[in-house]
Every structure is written in structure tokens, then in C-alpha cells.
C-alpha atoms as a PDB file:
ATOM      1  CA  MET A   1    -119.625 -21.795 -48.946  1.00  0.00           C
ATOM      2  CA  PRO A   2    -119.750 -22.852 -52.079  1.00  0.00           C
ATOM      3  CA  GLN A   3    -122.575 -25.656 -53.541  1.00  0.00           C
ATOM      4  CA  LYS A   4    -121.714 -29.102 -53.712  1.00  0.00           C
ATOM      5  CA  THR A   5    -122.173 -31.145 -57.472  1.00  0.00           C
ATOM      6  CA  ASN A   6    -123.197 -34.403 -58.018  1.00  0.00           C
ATOM      7  CA  LYS A   7    -120.779 -34.349 -61.416  1.00  0.00           C
ATOM      8  CA  LYS A   8    -118.031 -36.391 -61.542  1.00  0.00           C
ATOM      9  CA  GLU A   9    -114.655 -34.713 -63.010  1.00  0.00           C
ATOM     10  CA  THR A  10    -113.517 -36.310 -65.842  1.00  0.00           C
ATOM     11  CA  THR A  11    -109.857 -37.181 -66.515  1.00  0.00           C
ATOM     12  CA  ASP A  12    -110.369 -38.968 -69.534  1.00  0.00           C
ATOM     13  CA  LYS A  13    -107.711 -37.205 -72.034  1.00  0.00           C
ATOM     14  CA  VAL A  14    -109.139 -36.454 -75.324  1.00  0.00           C
ATOM     15  CA  ILE A  15    -108.070 -38.296 -78.594  1.00  0.00           C
ATOM     16  CA  THR A  16    -107.086 -36.375 -81.014  1.00  0.00           C
ATOM     17  CA  LYS A  17    -108.052 -38.374 -85.253  1.00  0.00           C
ATOM     18  CA  LYS A  18    -104.084 -38.191 -85.795  1.00  0.00           C
ATOM     19  CA  GLU A  19    -103.568 -40.456 -82.489  1.00  0.00           C
ATOM     20  CA  ARG A  20    -106.603 -42.368 -83.683  1.00  0.00           C
ATOM     21  CA  GLU A  21    -104.900 -43.419 -86.758  1.00  0.00           C
ATOM     22  CA  ASP A  22    -101.665 -44.152 -85.264  1.00  0.00           C
ATOM     23  CA  ILE A  23    -102.729 -46.338 -82.802  1.00  0.00           C
ATOM     24  CA  LYS A  24    -104.503 -48.126 -85.456  1.00  0.00           C
ATOM     25  CA  LYS A  25    -101.491 -48.476 -87.382  1.00  0.00           C
ATOM     26  CA  LYS A  26     -99.891 -49.975 -84.629  1.00  0.00           C
ATOM     27  CA  GLU A  27    -102.616 -52.651 -84.337  1.00  0.00           C
ATOM     28  CA  LYS A  28    -102.176 -53.908 -87.759  1.00  0.00           C
ATOM     29  CA  GLN A  29     -98.320 -54.128 -87.238  1.00  0.00           C
ATOM     30  CA  VAL A  30     -98.986 -56.155 -83.813  1.00  0.00           C
ATOM     31  CA  VAL A  31    -101.402 -58.711 -86.063  1.00  0.00           C
ATOM     32  CA  LYS A  32     -98.682 -58.970 -88.095  1.00  0.00           C
ATOM     33  CA  GLN A  33     -95.879 -60.063 -85.991  1.00  0.00           C
ATOM     34  CA  LYS A  34     -98.496 -62.403 -84.035  1.00  0.00           C
ATOM     35  CA  GLY A  35     -99.900 -64.308 -87.280  1.00  0.00           C
ATOM     36  CA  LYS A  36     -95.999 -64.444 -88.421  1.00  0.00           C
ATOM     37  CA  LYS A  37     -94.610 -66.005 -85.194  1.00  0.00           C
ATOM     38  CA  ASP A  38     -97.834 -68.699 -84.691  1.00  0.00           C
ATOM     39  CA  LYS A  39     -96.880 -69.727 -87.988  1.00  0.00           C
ATOM     40  CA  SER A  40     -93.216 -70.363 -87.369  1.00  0.00           C
ATOM     41  CA  SER A  41     -94.325 -72.185 -84.101  1.00  0.00           C
ATOM     42  CA  THR A  42     -96.308 -73.982 -85.850  1.00  0.00           C
ATOM     43  CA  ASP A  43     -93.947 -75.023 -88.552  1.00  0.00           C
ATOM     44  CA  THR A  44     -91.300 -75.890 -85.551  1.00  0.00           C
ATOM     45  CA  THR A  45     -94.117 -77.828 -84.392  1.00  0.00           C
ATOM     46  CA  ASP A  46     -94.609 -80.297 -86.557  1.00  0.00           C
ATOM     47  CA  SER A  47     -91.183 -80.241 -88.585  1.00  0.00           C
ATOM     48  CA  ASP A  48     -90.577 -81.557 -84.673  1.00  0.00           C
ATOM     49  CA  ILE A  49     -92.857 -84.251 -84.939  1.00  0.00           C
ATOM     50  CA  VAL A  50     -91.633 -85.430 -88.124  1.00  0.00           C
ATOM     51  CA  SER A  51     -88.372 -85.733 -86.524  1.00  0.00           C
ATOM     52  CA  GLU A  52     -89.717 -88.137 -84.018  1.00  0.00           C
ATOM     53  CA  ILE A  53     -90.680 -90.724 -86.747  1.00  0.00           C
ATOM     54  CA  ASP A  54     -88.547 -93.170 -87.651  1.00  0.00           C
ATOM     55  CA  ASP A  55     -87.682 -93.573 -90.535  1.00  0.00           C
ATOM     56  CA  ASP A  56     -87.527 -97.697 -90.893  1.00  0.00           C
ATOM     57  CA  ILE A  57     -90.746 -98.032 -89.754  1.00  0.00           C
ATOM     58  CA  THR A  58     -92.833-100.469 -92.367  1.00  0.00           C
ATOM     59  CA  ASP A  59     -96.174-100.123 -93.349  1.00  0.00           C
ATOM     60  CA  ASP A  60     -96.459-103.477 -91.547  1.00  0.00           C
ATOM     61  CA  MET A  61     -95.391-102.199 -88.357  1.00  0.00           C
ATOM     62  CA  VAL A  62     -97.651 -99.334 -88.661  1.00  0.00           C
ATOM     63  CA  SER A  63    -100.730-102.112 -89.365  1.00  0.00           C
ATOM     64  CA  LYS A  64     -99.604-103.903 -86.384  1.00  0.00           C
ATOM     65  CA  ASP A  65     -99.930-100.889 -84.159  1.00  0.00           C
ATOM     66  CA  ALA A  66    -102.784-100.078 -85.276  1.00  0.00           C
ATOM     67  CA  MET A  67    -104.300-103.515 -84.461  1.00  0.00           C
ATOM     68  CA  SER A  68    -102.998-103.244 -81.222  1.00  0.00           C
ATOM     69  CA  LYS A  69    -105.077-100.214 -80.577  1.00  0.00           C
ATOM     70  CA  LEU A  70    -108.388-102.195 -81.996  1.00  0.00           C
ATOM     71  CA  GLU A  71    -107.628-105.486 -80.311  1.00  0.00           C
ATOM     72  CA  ASP A  72    -107.819-102.993 -76.893  1.00  0.00           C
ATOM     73  CA  SER A  73    -111.244-101.311 -78.262  1.00  0.00           C
ATOM     74  CA  PHE A  74    -112.816-104.364 -78.868  1.00  0.00           C
ATOM     75  CA  LYS A  75    -111.735-105.967 -75.851  1.00  0.00           C
ATOM     76  CA  GLU A  76    -114.067-103.236 -74.054  1.00  0.00           C
ATOM     77  CA  LYS A  77    -116.371-104.297 -76.601  1.00  0.00           C
ATOM     78  CA  VAL A  78    -116.447-107.824 -75.790  1.00  0.00           C
ATOM     79  CA  ILE A  79    -116.741-107.047 -72.192  1.00  0.00           C
ATOM     80  CA  LYS A  80    -119.674-104.639 -72.081  1.00  0.00           C
ATOM     81  CA  TYR A  81    -121.435-106.629 -74.657  1.00  0.00           C
ATOM     82  CA  ILE A  82    -121.411-110.022 -72.009  1.00  0.00           C
ATOM     83  CA  LYS A  83    -122.145-107.532 -69.300  1.00  0.00           C
ATOM     84  CA  VAL A  84    -125.287-106.424 -71.172  1.00  0.00           C
ATOM     85  CA  ASP A  85    -125.977-110.288 -72.443  1.00  0.00           C
ATOM     86  CA  ASP A  86    -126.142-111.878 -68.864  1.00  0.00           C
ATOM     87  CA  LEU A  87    -128.058-108.633 -67.885  1.00  0.00           C
ATOM     88  CA  MET A  88    -131.180-109.878 -70.801  1.00  0.00           C
ATOM     89  CA  ARG A  89    -130.415-113.140 -69.704  1.00  0.00           C
ATOM     90  CA  LYS A  90    -130.985-112.567 -66.235  1.00  0.00           C
ATOM     91  CA  GLU A  91    -134.370-110.364 -67.190  1.00  0.00           C
ATOM     92  CA  THR A  92    -135.713-112.715 -69.337  1.00  0.00           C
ATOM     93  CA  ILE A  93    -135.225-115.293 -67.072  1.00  0.00           C
ATOM     94  CA  GLU A  94    -137.495-113.398 -64.393  1.00  0.00           C
ATOM     95  CA  TYR A  95    -139.836-112.215 -66.832  1.00  0.00           C
ATOM     96  CA  ARG A  96    -140.589-115.642 -67.730  1.00  0.00           C
ATOM     97  CA  GLU A  97    -141.111-116.994 -64.017  1.00  0.00           C
ATOM     98  CA  LYS A  98    -143.359-114.301 -63.480  1.00  0.00           C
ATOM     99  CA  MET A  99    -145.262-114.078 -66.497  1.00  0.00           C
ATOM    100  CA  ASN A 100    -145.630-117.830 -65.983  1.00  0.00           C
ATOM    101  CA  THR A 101    -146.728-117.448 -62.277  1.00  0.00           C
ATOM    102  CA  LEU A 102    -149.267-115.083 -64.413  1.00  0.00           C
ATOM    103  CA  LYS A 103    -150.526-117.382 -66.401  1.00  0.00           C
ATOM    104  CA  GLU A 104    -151.567-120.139 -64.355  1.00  0.00           C
ATOM    105  CA  GLU A 105    -153.075-117.708 -62.020  1.00  0.00           C
ATOM    106  CA  LYS A 106    -155.042-116.312 -64.947  1.00  0.00           C
ATOM    107  CA  GLU A 107    -155.993-119.412 -66.413  1.00  0.00           C
ATOM    108  CA  GLU A 108    -157.257-121.587 -63.269  1.00  0.00           C
ATOM    109  CA  LEU A 109    -159.796-118.172 -62.758  1.00  0.00           C
ATOM    110  CA  GLN A 110    -160.868-118.243 -66.337  1.00  0.00           C
ATOM    111  CA  SER A 111    -161.457-121.912 -66.153  1.00  0.00           C
ATOM    112  CA  TYR A 112    -164.341-120.981 -62.619  1.00  0.00           C
ATOM    113  CA  MET A 113    -165.838-118.537 -64.643  1.00  0.00           C
ATOM    114  CA  LEU A 114    -166.308-120.555 -67.520  1.00  0.00           C
ATOM    115  CA  ARG A 115    -168.191-123.194 -65.443  1.00  0.00           C
ATOM    116  CA  TYR A 116    -169.917-120.062 -63.825  1.00  0.00           C
ATOM    117  CA  LEU A 117    -171.069-119.301 -66.752  1.00  0.00           C
ATOM    118  CA  ASP A 118    -171.863-122.061 -68.462  1.00  0.00           C
ATOM    119  CA  SER A 119    -174.222-123.188 -65.081  1.00  0.00           C
ATOM    120  CA  MET A 120    -176.099-119.332 -65.068  1.00  0.00           C
ATOM    121  CA  GLU A 121    -176.401-119.296 -69.189  1.00  0.00           C
ATOM    122  CA  GLN A 122    -174.439-116.321 -69.463  1.00  0.00           C
ATOM    123  CA  GLU A 123    -172.524-115.541 -72.107  1.00  0.00           C
ATOM    124  CA  THR A 124    -170.800-111.999 -70.673  1.00  0.00           C
ATOM    125  CA  VAL A 125    -169.896-110.054 -67.180  1.00  0.00           C
ATOM    126  CA  ASN A 126    -170.513-106.620 -67.547  1.00  0.00           C
ATOM    127  CA  ILE A 127    -168.230-104.361 -65.212  1.00  0.00           C
ATOM    128  CA  GLU A 128    -169.060-101.051 -64.228  1.00  0.00           C
ATOM    129  CA  GLY A 129    -166.479 -98.324 -65.504  1.00  0.00           C
ATOM    130  CA  THR A 130    -164.151-100.849 -67.305  1.00  0.00           C
ATOM    131  CA  GLY A 131    -166.186-102.675 -69.659  1.00  0.00           C
ATOM    132  CA  LYS A 132    -167.450-106.444 -69.751  1.00  0.00           C
ATOM    133  CA  LEU A 133    -165.935-109.544 -70.280  1.00  0.00           C
ATOM    134  CA  SER A 134    -166.734-111.875 -72.194  1.00  0.00           C
ATOM    135  CA  ARG A 135    -166.610-115.791 -73.111  1.00  0.00           C
ATOM    136  CA  CYS A 136    -165.799-116.361 -76.382  1.00  0.00           C
ATOM    137  CA  GLU A 137    -164.659-119.371 -78.870  1.00  0.00           C
ATOM    138  CA  SER A 138    -161.912-120.103 -81.336  1.00  0.00           C
ATOM    139  CA  VAL A 139    -160.970-122.236 -83.659  1.00  0.00           C
ATOM    140  CA  ARG A 140    -157.435-122.168 -85.179  1.00  0.00           C
ATOM    141  CA  LYS A 141    -156.012-124.410 -88.033  1.00  0.00           C
ATOM    142  CA  GLY A 142    -153.179-126.809 -87.641  1.00  0.00           C
ATOM    143  CA  ALA A 143    -149.935-125.606 -89.573  1.00  0.00           C
ATOM    144  CA  ILE A 144    -149.316-126.212 -92.819  1.00  0.00           C
ATOM    145  CA  ASN A 145    -146.199-128.650 -93.648  1.00  0.00           C
ATOM    146  CA  LYS A 146    -144.680-130.117 -96.792  1.00  0.00           C
ATOM    147  CA  GLU A 147    -146.742-133.266 -95.963  1.00  0.00           C
ATOM    148  CA  LEU A 148    -150.011-131.269 -96.694  1.00  0.00           C
ATOM    149  CA  ILE A 149    -148.559-129.385 -99.190  1.00  0.00           C
ATOM    150  CA  GLN A 150    -147.927-132.210-101.645  1.00  0.00           C
ATOM    151  CA  GLN A 151    -151.016-133.980-100.589  1.00  0.00           C
ATOM    152  CA  ALA A 152    -153.294-131.516-101.320  1.00  0.00           C
ATOM    153  CA  ILE A 153    -151.411-130.805-104.801  1.00  0.00           C
ATOM    154  CA  CYS A 154    -151.896-134.370-105.599  1.00  0.00           C
ATOM    155  CA  GLU A 155    -155.350-134.541-104.634  1.00  0.00           C
ATOM    156  CA  GLN A 156    -155.782-131.334-107.052  1.00  0.00           C
ATOM    157  CA  LEU A 157    -153.738-133.306-110.330  1.00  0.00           C
ATOM    158  CA  LYS A 158    -155.773-136.001-109.911  1.00  0.00           C
ATOM    159  CA  LYS A 159    -159.267-134.286-109.938  1.00  0.00           C
ATOM    160  CA  GLU A 160    -158.245-132.166-112.931  1.00  0.00           C
ATOM    161  CA  LYS A 161    -157.243-135.500-114.182  1.00  0.00           C
ATOM    162  CA  ILE A 162    -153.741-134.569-114.929  1.00  0.00           C
ATOM    163  CA  VAL A 163    -152.310-137.906-113.439  1.00  0.00           C
ATOM    164  CA  SER A 164    -154.119-140.903-112.780  1.00  0.00           C
ATOM    165  CA  ASP A 165    -151.785-142.663-110.283  1.00  0.00           C
ATOM    166  CA  ASP A 166    -150.844-141.876-107.381  1.00  0.00           C
ATOM    167  CA  LYS A 167    -146.848-142.480-107.917  1.00  0.00           C
ATOM    168  CA  THR A 168    -146.864-139.920-110.969  1.00  0.00           C
ATOM    169  CA  GLY A 169    -149.074-137.342-108.923  1.00  0.00           C
ATOM    170  CA  LYS A 170    -146.460-138.012-105.737  1.00  0.00           C
ATOM    171  CA  ALA A 171    -144.139-136.955-107.922  1.00  0.00           C
ATOM    172  CA  LEU A 172    -145.089-133.959-109.224  1.00  0.00           C
ATOM    173  CA  ALA A 173    -146.365-132.815-106.105  1.00  0.00           C
ATOM    174  CA  GLU A 174    -143.150-133.240-104.835  1.00  0.00           C
ATOM    175  CA  ASN A 175    -141.386-131.240-107.653  1.00  0.00           C
ATOM    176  CA  THR A 176    -143.797-128.602-107.013  1.00  0.00           C
ATOM    177  CA  TYR A 177    -142.982-128.280-103.394  1.00  0.00           C
ATOM    178  CA  ASN A 178    -139.508-127.876-104.059  1.00  0.00           C
ATOM    179  CA  LEU A 179    -140.253-125.544-107.130  1.00  0.00           C
ATOM    180  CA  MET A 180    -141.827-123.407-104.473  1.00  0.00           C
ATOM    181  CA  GLU A 181    -139.016-123.570-101.624  1.00  0.00           C
ATOM    182  CA  SER A 182    -136.608-122.629-104.179  1.00  0.00           C
ATOM    183  CA  LYS A 183    -138.676-119.300-105.196  1.00  0.00           C
ATOM    184  CA  ARG A 184    -138.694-118.500-101.407  1.00  0.00           C
ATOM    185  CA  GLU A 185    -136.964-115.419-100.643  1.00  0.00           C
ATOM    186  CA  VAL A 186    -134.207-115.849 -98.567  1.00  0.00           C
ATOM    187  CA  LYS A 187    -132.855-113.271 -95.626  1.00  0.00           C
ATOM    188  CA  LYS A 188    -129.536-113.336 -94.754  1.00  0.00           C
ATOM    189  CA  LYS A 189    -128.488-112.541 -91.038  1.00  0.00           C
ATOM    190  CA  VAL A 190    -125.420-111.951 -89.461  1.00  0.00           C
ATOM    191  CA  TYR A 191    -125.063-111.877 -85.330  1.00  0.00           C
ATOM    192  CA  ILE A 192    -122.961-113.049 -82.824  1.00  0.00           C
ATOM    193  CA  LYS A 193    -123.699-116.258 -81.218  1.00  0.00           C
ATOM    194  CA  ARG A 194    -122.957-116.568 -77.423  1.00  0.00           C
ATOM    195  CA  THR A 195    -122.371-120.815 -76.598  1.00  0.00           C
ATOM    196  CA  PHE A 196    -121.395-121.649 -72.808  1.00  0.00           C
ATOM    197  CA  GLU A 197    -118.646-124.489 -71.950  1.00  0.00           C
ATOM    198  CA  ARG A 198    -120.017-127.348 -70.305  1.00  0.00           C
ATOM    199  CA  PRO A 199    -118.068-128.053 -67.206  1.00  0.00           C
ATOM    200  CA  LYS A 200    -116.122-131.101 -67.584  1.00  0.00           C
ATOM    201  CA  LYS A 201    -117.259-134.026 -65.431  1.00  0.00           C
ATOM    202  CA  GLU A 202    -114.326-135.868 -63.057  1.00  0.00           C
ATOM    203  CA  LYS A 203    -113.772-139.573 -64.273  1.00  0.00           C
ATOM    204  CA  LYS A 204    -113.715-141.808 -61.570  1.00  0.00           C
ATOM    205  CA  SER A 205    -110.994-143.767 -61.597  1.00  0.00           C
ATOM    206  CA  LYS A 206    -111.111-148.181 -61.074  1.00  0.00           C
ATOM    207  CA  LYS A 207    -110.030-147.728 -58.124  1.00  0.00           C
ATOM    208  CA  ASP A 208    -113.528-145.433 -57.211  1.00  0.00           C
ATOM    209  CA  ASN A 209    -116.004-147.700 -59.456  1.00  0.00           C
ATOM    210  CA  LYS A 210    -114.816-150.657 -57.561  1.00  0.00           C
ATOM    211  CA  LYS A 211    -115.239-149.175 -53.857  1.00  0.00           C
ATOM    212  CA  GLY A 212    -118.660-148.502 -55.359  1.00  0.00           C
ATOM    213  CA  SER A 213    -119.517-151.911 -56.590  1.00  0.00           C
ATOM    214  CA  LYS A 214    -118.585-153.579 -53.255  1.00  0.00           C
ATOM    215  CA  LYS A 215    -120.584-151.539 -51.458  1.00  0.00           C
END
């Protein structure tokens, strides 16, 4: 009996060197023809688009068309802006309400703990693993305003004997303050501000007023 073999019979055709060269030439010709077709189709498409444009269109009409598109996109931005603004206002109100409640509770607890520490003559409370609570005292100065600056300048002028009377000192102090204000850096910021229309109150008629007065 003939022995079986696992080798598969090859059916591929052997291509000679000349046949390979012929194939390459044909491929090049096909590529060139395809390129010409694509170019002609592109030219045709462009010409078709150009022919659809009306020769009577002016710059003003083009501007209006552009503005109409801009208005649509602008409206979308406005709607989104309002939604974001509403959400921010809602979140801010909720946050403030929570913070006010927490602050009130914290103030009550703080007042109790300060009274307790004072009675025990203690300054700190050690908390194992997290640190400590300390009784502290802070001193704050009042805000600097126009009147305070002018008063200080006037006093210094009198102290240095640059002026002798209050009237002259105040005038120089005011001029100095105005000079300081004029030299301050001015920063400009452009932004969108949202305002709300107040609901109009219904005007009561004279008859309604008379009825109310009789009652």
C-alpha cells in the first residue's frame, strides 16, 4: 500500500521575472488612471458647487447669513449659561444654609468649652491621636479708611511743624490722599451680570380701596 504523507500539494503558479515586470507596469497604469479620474471628479464637484452660488449675492447678505448662524449658537450658550447660573445659585444657597447651621452649633460648643477651661484654669485639651484644642486670643485692628488716613497725615504734618493750623493740615492731608488714590492701579474686568425682573404689583382700583376702608 502507498504511504500517506502530511505534505499538502502546492497549486501556486510560479511567476517568472518578466511576468512580474508586466504586473508592475499594469499597476502603475491603473494608479495613473485612477488619479486622473479622482481629479476630474473633484473638478466637477467644485464646478457644481460654484454654479449653485447666486451671482447676485452681496456682502451684506453673506453677513446676515453668518449672523443668523451666530445667533443660533449664541442662544445655545445663553441657555446653558442660565442653567449653570441657576445651579450655582442653588448650590450656594444650600451651602450657606448648611454652613450657618454648623457655625451656630460650633459657636455654642466653643462658648461652653471656653467657660469650662476658664473655670478649670486650663489652656489646652489634649486629644489622643489627633492633637489638641487650645484657648487662644486674637486682636484685630479696625479697617483703614479715608478719614483715618487724612487724620494721620494732618497730625504728622503738625508734628513736623510743616503746618501750624488744622485747616491747612486737613487741606494738605486731603490732597495727599487724593494723590494716593490717583496712583492706585486700576484693574478692569468685563463680565456678564444677570439681573431679575421684579414681579409687578397689581394696582388696586379705587373701588377696592373704598371697600377696604369701609371694612
